[in-house]
Amino acid sequence: MNTPHIIGIDLGKNSFHLVGHDQSGQRLFKKKLTRQKLLEFLAFHEPVIIAMESCGGSHWLARKCSEFGHTAKLIPPQYVKPYVKTNKNDFIDADAIAEAASRPTMRFSSPKTESAQVISTIQKIRNGYIRERTACMNRIGSILLEFGISLPKGHFIMKGLFQWLADKNQHLPPLIVFELTELHEHYLNLNERIASQANKVERILADNEQVKQLQSIPGIGPVVASACVSSVSEPSDFKNGRNFAAWIGLVPLQHSTGGKTILLGISKRGNKELRTLFIHGARSILWRDKSAEKYFGSWLINLKKRKPFNVAVVALANKIARIAWAVLVNKKSFEIRI
């Protein structure tokens, strides 16, 4: 049998489907292996290119492949889909992955290190707590609305919920007060958990030079900086800052034909959490005209006057993302140029 040049792996929880291609792209073999058998197969196989989709478990397996001397390549799933032929099954997916990896213009993402995955996991847990906290606040608001009480939005009122109810002289049935007390305790507990997760990341990255450099950028704090470091394995994977902003989903969605360019709203592709953080960071700057003009000049103030607030926020988030890429690549802190 000829020696395979690329092995495409369709990842699963317990079973993995492999398809091997030679230099010309012809299929040489296909195998279905358990997790343990896969590791044994990779350990004794001569070094080749191992391609897989960038998804759950792929970064761990990519590191294992590197330990065994293979070259691991991770492909975003949307780039594999066009190579899936006829009906879909696991072997066809593995075959499509191997074919996509052989293309000279294919884009790959670098595997994350173990420490980056640890930070990413802590942040995902924090984001889960934030979503749960929002749901808890909505439950409290909806319960009060059932009894004719419209609770103002925001954490300030929520933290002092019962004091606010007392000041408004609002009467509620005792059983409802009991339910609200339990929900409010859950809300306060979630606040503590969210803060704890953020503190964990700060302690882990306290001496990280990249995080310190990123925090020199206006609108980027410890949470955004740590998210960048954990999400972007190799800044050089992106050709320029615009490509980085496009990966986050902060550039216009293009739908052009016949020589006519049509730009729509932002694409919202890629890393949703990172995009959200950049937008929140930009909003914190744009709320303050003095800070906005100090750091980004008069163009931002003029943009804010000409465009809706949220449009200006996204434009600033795009600019901050490009600056963040430049800081990561050049390994230099941001400097204000007047």
Protein backbone atom coordinates (compact mmCIF):
# COMPACT_ATOMS: atom_id res chain seq x y z
CA MET A 1 0.00 0.00 0.00
CA ASN A 2 1.27 3.50 -0.81
CA THR A 3 2.25 5.77 2.04
CA PRO A 4 -0.46 8.30 2.93
CA HIS A 5 0.37 11.97 2.62
CA ILE A 6 -2.65 13.32 4.54
CA ILE A 7 -4.95 11.58 7.00
CA GLY A 8 -8.32 13.24 7.59
CA ILE A 9 -10.01 12.48 10.90
CA ASP A 10 -13.69 13.01 11.63
CA LEU A 11 -13.79 13.48 15.41
CA GLY A 12 -16.32 11.86 17.71
CA LYS A 13 -16.75 11.19 21.41
CA ASN A 14 -15.93 7.49 21.35
CA SER A 15 -15.21 6.61 17.71
CA PHE A 16 -13.02 8.31 15.11
CA HIS A 17 -13.23 7.86 11.34
CA LEU A 18 -9.99 8.11 9.35
CA VAL A 19 -9.39 8.44 5.62
CA GLY A 20 -5.88 8.47 4.14
CA HIS A 21 -4.95 10.27 0.90
CA ASP A 22 -1.75 10.03 -1.13
CA GLN A 23 0.05 12.94 -2.82
CA SER A 24 -2.38 12.92 -5.76
CA GLY A 25 -5.47 12.97 -3.51
CA GLN A 26 -6.44 9.33 -4.09
CA ARG A 27 -7.99 7.49 -1.16
CA LEU A 28 -5.72 4.80 0.25
CA PHE A 29 -7.65 3.54 3.25
CA LYS A 30 -10.44 4.24 5.68
CA LYS A 31 -10.62 3.13 9.30
CA LYS A 32 -12.93 3.41 12.28
CA LEU A 33 -11.06 3.46 15.60
CA THR A 34 -11.84 3.94 19.26
CA ARG A 35 -10.05 6.71 21.16
CA GLN A 36 -7.41 4.35 22.58
CA LYS A 37 -6.87 2.58 19.24
CA LEU A 38 -6.52 5.95 17.53
CA LEU A 39 -3.73 6.99 19.89
CA GLU A 40 -1.97 3.66 19.29
CA PHE A 41 -2.36 4.08 15.52
CA LEU A 42 -0.91 7.60 15.60
CA ALA A 43 1.93 6.60 17.93
CA PHE A 44 3.27 3.89 15.57
CA HIS A 45 2.44 5.52 12.22
CA GLU A 46 5.21 7.33 10.39
CA PRO A 47 4.93 11.15 10.45
CA VAL A 48 2.23 12.53 8.12
CA ILE A 49 -0.16 15.48 7.95
CA ILE A 50 -3.13 14.93 10.28
CA ALA A 51 -6.10 17.12 9.37
CA MET A 52 -9.26 17.62 11.40
CA GLU A 53 -11.97 20.19 11.94
CA SER A 54 -11.34 22.81 14.62
CA CYS A 55 -13.96 21.75 17.18
CA GLY A 56 -14.34 20.17 20.61
CA GLY A 57 -11.39 17.91 21.41
CA SER A 58 -9.40 18.90 18.32
CA HIS A 59 -6.80 20.98 20.17
CA TRP A 60 -6.01 18.13 22.58
CA LEU A 61 -5.68 15.66 19.72
CA ALA A 62 -3.56 18.11 17.71
CA ARG A 63 -1.11 18.35 20.61
CA LYS A 64 -1.00 14.55 20.81
CA CYS A 65 -0.27 14.34 17.08
CA SER A 66 2.61 16.78 17.49
CA GLU A 67 4.01 14.65 20.32
CA PHE A 68 4.02 11.65 17.97
CA GLY A 69 5.87 13.66 15.29
CA HIS A 70 2.92 14.38 13.00
CA THR A 71 1.96 17.75 11.52
CA ALA A 72 -1.49 18.68 12.85
CA LYS A 73 -3.70 20.99 10.82
CA LEU A 74 -7.01 22.34 12.11
CA ILE A 75 -9.58 23.57 9.58
CA PRO A 76 -12.63 25.72 10.41
CA PRO A 77 -15.73 23.55 9.74
CA GLN A 78 -17.23 26.03 7.26
CA TYR A 79 -14.21 25.53 4.99
CA VAL A 80 -14.71 21.75 4.93
CA LYS A 81 -18.40 21.78 4.00
CA PRO A 82 -17.90 22.56 0.26
CA TYR A 83 -15.81 19.38 -0.11
CA VAL A 84 -18.50 17.04 1.28
CA LYS A 85 -19.76 14.95 -1.63
CA THR A 86 -23.23 13.36 -2.00
CA ASN A 87 -24.83 12.26 1.25
CA LYS A 88 -23.24 12.92 4.61
CA ASN A 89 -21.65 10.28 6.81
CA ASP A 90 -18.55 10.10 8.99
CA PHE A 91 -16.24 8.60 6.34
CA ILE A 92 -17.38 11.16 3.75
CA ASP A 93 -16.67 13.91 6.29
CA ALA A 94 -13.18 12.53 6.94
CA ASP A 95 -12.57 12.31 3.20
CA ALA A 96 -13.68 15.94 2.78
CA ILE A 97 -11.34 17.04 5.59
CA ALA A 98 -8.37 15.33 3.93
CA GLU A 99 -9.22 16.89 0.56
CA ALA A 100 -9.70 20.36 2.05
CA ALA A 101 -6.35 20.13 3.86
CA SER A 102 -4.56 19.40 0.57
CA ARG A 103 -5.63 22.69 -1.02
CA PRO A 104 -2.77 25.21 -1.25
CA THR A 105 -5.04 28.17 -0.43
CA MET A 106 -6.74 26.53 2.56
CA ARG A 107 -6.74 28.48 5.83
CA PHE A 108 -5.77 26.69 9.02
CA SER A 109 -5.94 27.62 12.70
CA SER A 110 -3.12 26.90 15.13
CA PRO A 111 -3.78 24.43 17.97
CA LYS A 112 -4.20 25.98 21.40
CA THR A 113 -1.76 25.24 24.17
CA GLU A 114 -2.99 23.50 27.30
CA SER A 115 -2.70 26.71 29.35
CA ALA A 116 -4.73 28.61 26.74
CA GLN A 117 -7.44 25.95 26.92
CA VAL A 118 -7.50 26.21 30.71
CA ILE A 119 -8.05 29.98 30.51
CA SER A 120 -10.67 29.53 27.79
CA THR A 121 -12.53 26.99 29.94
CA ILE A 122 -12.57 29.31 32.95
CA GLN A 123 -13.94 32.09 30.74
CA LYS A 124 -16.63 29.83 29.28
CA ILE A 125 -17.77 28.95 32.79
CA ARG A 126 -17.86 32.67 33.62
CA ASN A 127 -19.93 33.39 30.50
CA GLY A 128 -22.30 30.61 31.53
CA TYR A 129 -22.75 32.22 34.94
CA ILE A 130 -23.45 35.57 33.26
CA ARG A 131 -26.18 34.04 31.09
CA GLU A 132 -27.62 32.32 34.15
CA ARG A 133 -27.57 35.61 36.08
CA THR A 134 -29.43 37.37 33.27
CA ALA A 135 -32.06 34.61 33.30
CA CYS A 136 -32.38 34.95 37.07
CA MET A 137 -32.90 38.72 36.81
CA ASN A 138 -35.55 38.18 34.14
CA ARG A 139 -37.36 35.69 36.40
CA ILE A 140 -37.45 38.18 39.24
CA GLY A 141 -38.70 40.94 36.94
CA SER A 142 -41.43 38.75 35.45
CA ILE A 143 -42.64 37.62 38.90
CA LEU A 144 -42.93 41.21 40.09
CA LEU A 145 -44.72 42.20 36.89
CA GLU A 146 -47.36 39.54 37.60
CA PHE A 147 -48.19 41.53 40.75
CA GLY A 148 -48.23 44.90 39.06
CA ILE A 149 -44.68 45.98 39.89
CA SER A 150 -42.37 47.14 37.10
CA LEU A 151 -38.79 46.67 38.23
CA PRO A 152 -36.23 49.05 36.62
CA LYS A 153 -33.38 47.44 34.73
CA GLY A 154 -29.83 47.26 36.04
CA HIS A 155 -27.75 45.64 38.74
CA PHE A 156 -27.93 48.61 41.10
CA ILE A 157 -31.65 48.13 41.70
CA MET A 158 -31.37 44.32 41.63
CA LYS A 159 -28.72 44.23 44.34
CA GLY A 160 -30.93 46.31 46.62
CA LEU A 161 -34.17 44.68 45.51
CA PHE A 162 -35.95 44.46 48.87
CA GLN A 163 -34.87 47.94 49.92
CA TRP A 164 -36.31 49.23 46.63
CA LEU A 165 -39.59 47.38 47.28
CA ALA A 166 -39.73 48.85 50.79
CA ASP A 167 -39.07 52.37 49.53
CA LYS A 168 -41.85 51.97 46.98
CA ASN A 169 -44.15 50.58 49.69
CA GLN A 170 -45.05 47.62 47.51
CA HIS A 171 -47.04 44.79 49.09
CA LEU A 172 -46.46 41.17 48.06
CA PRO A 173 -47.87 37.87 49.35
CA PRO A 174 -45.54 36.20 51.91
CA LEU A 175 -44.97 33.13 49.70
CA ILE A 176 -43.91 35.34 46.80
CA VAL A 177 -41.49 37.18 49.09
CA PHE A 178 -40.02 33.80 50.06
CA GLU A 179 -39.57 32.82 46.38
CA LEU A 180 -38.01 36.19 45.58
CA THR A 181 -35.63 35.81 48.52
CA GLU A 182 -34.35 32.49 47.17
CA LEU A 183 -33.97 33.89 43.66
CA HIS A 184 -32.21 36.98 44.98
CA GLU A 185 -29.77 34.85 46.98
CA HIS A 186 -29.06 32.88 43.80
CA TYR A 187 -28.46 36.15 41.94
CA LEU A 188 -25.98 37.36 44.58
CA ASN A 189 -24.24 33.99 44.55
CA LEU A 190 -23.85 34.20 40.77
CA ASN A 191 -22.29 37.65 41.15
CA GLU A 192 -19.68 36.14 43.47
CA ARG A 193 -19.00 33.25 41.10
CA ILE A 194 -18.56 35.61 38.11
CA ALA A 195 -16.10 37.74 40.07
CA SER A 196 -14.28 34.59 41.24
CA GLN A 197 -13.83 33.33 37.67
CA ALA A 198 -12.45 36.69 36.56
CA ASN A 199 -10.01 36.70 39.50
CA LYS A 200 -8.80 33.22 38.57
CA VAL A 201 -7.89 34.36 35.06
CA GLU A 202 -6.17 37.49 36.40
CA ARG A 203 -4.05 35.41 38.79
CA ILE A 204 -3.07 32.94 36.06
CA LEU A 205 -2.07 35.72 33.64
CA ALA A 206 -0.65 38.15 36.21
CA ASP A 207 2.85 37.89 34.73
CA ASN A 208 1.83 37.44 31.09
CA GLU A 209 3.50 40.14 29.00
CA GLN A 210 0.95 39.92 26.15
CA VAL A 211 -1.93 40.59 28.55
CA LYS A 212 -0.13 43.65 29.95
CA GLN A 213 0.51 44.98 26.43
CA LEU A 214 -3.12 44.45 25.38
CA GLN A 215 -4.38 46.29 28.45
CA SER A 216 -2.53 49.39 27.25
CA ILE A 217 -5.21 49.68 24.53
CA PRO A 218 -8.21 51.85 25.53
CA GLY A 219 -11.31 49.73 26.04
CA ILE A 220 -9.38 46.53 26.76
CA GLY A 221 -9.24 45.31 30.35
CA PRO A 222 -8.18 42.02 31.96
CA VAL A 223 -11.20 40.06 30.69
CA VAL A 224 -10.83 41.13 27.04
CA ALA A 225 -7.04 40.76 27.11
CA SER A 226 -7.20 37.25 28.57
CA ALA A 227 -9.87 36.27 26.02
CA CYS A 228 -7.57 37.42 23.19
CA VAL A 229 -4.60 35.49 24.53
CA SER A 230 -6.62 32.29 25.05
CA SER A 231 -8.47 32.50 21.71
CA VAL A 232 -5.61 33.50 19.41
CA SER A 233 -2.89 30.86 19.42
CA GLU A 234 -0.79 32.48 16.70
CA PRO A 235 -1.50 36.11 15.73
CA SER A 236 0.56 35.51 12.59
CA ASP A 237 -2.22 33.18 11.37
CA PHE A 238 -3.94 36.41 10.28
CA LYS A 239 -2.44 38.35 7.39
CA ASN A 240 -3.40 41.72 8.86
CA GLY A 241 -5.64 43.42 11.38
CA ARG A 242 -8.60 43.41 9.02
CA ASN A 243 -8.45 39.62 8.72
CA PHE A 244 -8.41 39.39 12.51
CA ALA A 245 -11.45 41.70 12.75
CA ALA A 246 -13.16 39.61 10.04
CA TRP A 247 -12.45 36.41 12.01
CA ILE A 248 -14.20 37.97 15.02
CA GLY A 249 -17.11 39.06 12.80
CA LEU A 250 -16.67 42.85 13.03
CA VAL A 251 -16.52 43.61 9.30
CA PRO A 252 -19.45 44.14 6.88
CA LEU A 253 -21.02 41.08 5.29
CA GLN A 254 -20.41 41.32 1.56
CA HIS A 255 -22.86 40.16 -1.11
CA SER A 256 -21.54 41.49 -4.42
CA THR A 257 -22.19 40.43 -7.99
CA GLY A 258 -21.91 41.81 -11.51
CA GLY A 259 -19.29 44.34 -10.44
CA LYS A 260 -21.70 45.90 -7.95
CA THR A 261 -20.42 45.93 -4.37
CA ILE A 262 -23.07 45.43 -1.70
CA LEU A 263 -22.06 45.70 1.97
CA LEU A 264 -24.52 44.63 4.66
CA GLY A 265 -24.32 44.62 8.46
CA ILE A 266 -21.44 42.98 10.32
CA SER A 267 -20.98 39.30 9.49
CA LYS A 268 -21.14 38.08 13.13
CA ARG A 269 -18.94 35.16 12.15
CA GLY A 270 -16.22 33.56 14.21
CA ASN A 271 -15.65 34.02 17.92
CA LYS A 272 -18.91 35.34 19.38
CA GLU A 273 -17.60 35.85 22.92
CA LEU A 274 -14.58 37.83 21.73
CA ARG A 275 -16.75 39.96 19.45
CA THR A 276 -19.10 40.75 22.35
CA LEU A 277 -16.19 41.76 24.59
CA PHE A 278 -14.69 44.08 21.98
CA ILE A 279 -18.06 45.75 21.46
CA HIS A 280 -18.53 46.24 25.21
CA GLY A 281 -15.02 47.70 25.41
CA ALA A 282 -15.77 50.10 22.56
CA ARG A 283 -19.04 51.15 24.19
CA SER A 284 -17.23 52.01 27.42
CA ILE A 285 -15.01 54.42 25.45
CA LEU A 286 -17.74 55.95 23.30
CA TRP A 287 -19.89 56.85 26.29
CA ARG A 288 -17.23 59.38 27.33
CA ASP A 289 -16.52 62.03 24.70
CA LYS A 290 -13.33 63.21 26.40
CA SER A 291 -11.83 59.71 26.46
CA ALA A 292 -12.96 59.02 22.90
CA GLU A 293 -11.29 62.16 21.55
CA LYS A 294 -8.19 61.70 23.70
CA TYR A 295 -7.46 58.19 22.46
CA PHE A 296 -8.91 58.14 18.94
CA GLY A 297 -9.10 61.76 17.82
CA SER A 298 -11.88 63.84 16.33
CA TRP A 299 -12.87 61.23 13.69
CA LEU A 300 -14.63 59.19 16.38
CA ILE A 301 -16.54 62.19 17.73
CA ASN A 302 -17.58 63.12 14.19
CA LEU A 303 -18.60 59.52 13.50
CA LYS A 304 -20.70 59.52 16.65
CA LYS A 305 -22.50 62.66 15.45
CA ARG A 306 -23.11 61.33 11.92
CA LYS A 307 -24.03 57.72 12.68
CA PRO A 308 -26.30 55.93 15.17
CA PHE A 309 -24.57 55.18 18.46
CA ASN A 310 -24.42 51.40 17.94
CA VAL A 311 -22.96 51.81 14.44
CA ALA A 312 -20.19 53.98 15.89
CA VAL A 313 -19.63 51.40 18.65
CA VAL A 314 -19.08 48.60 16.13
CA ALA A 315 -16.77 50.80 14.04
CA LEU A 316 -14.68 51.52 17.14
CA ALA A 317 -14.70 47.83 18.14
CA ASN A 318 -13.33 47.03 14.67
CA LYS A 319 -10.54 49.59 15.15
CA ILE A 320 -9.70 48.27 18.64
CA ALA A 321 -9.55 44.71 17.29
CA ARG A 322 -7.08 45.78 14.58
CA ILE A 323 -4.95 47.55 17.18
CA ALA A 324 -5.05 44.42 19.36
CA TRP A 325 -3.76 42.31 16.47
CA ALA A 326 -0.91 44.79 15.87
CA VAL A 327 0.01 44.69 19.56
CA LEU A 328 0.03 40.87 19.57
CA VAL A 329 2.14 40.65 16.41
CA ASN A 330 4.63 43.40 17.22
CA LYS A 331 4.72 42.61 20.96
CA LYS A 332 4.66 46.30 21.81
CA SER A 333 2.27 48.27 23.98
CA PHE A 334 -0.19 50.72 22.43
CA GLU A 335 1.01 54.31 22.22
CA ILE A 336 -1.18 57.35 21.71
CA ARG A 337 -0.01 59.41 18.73
CA ILE A 338 -1.11 63.01 18.69
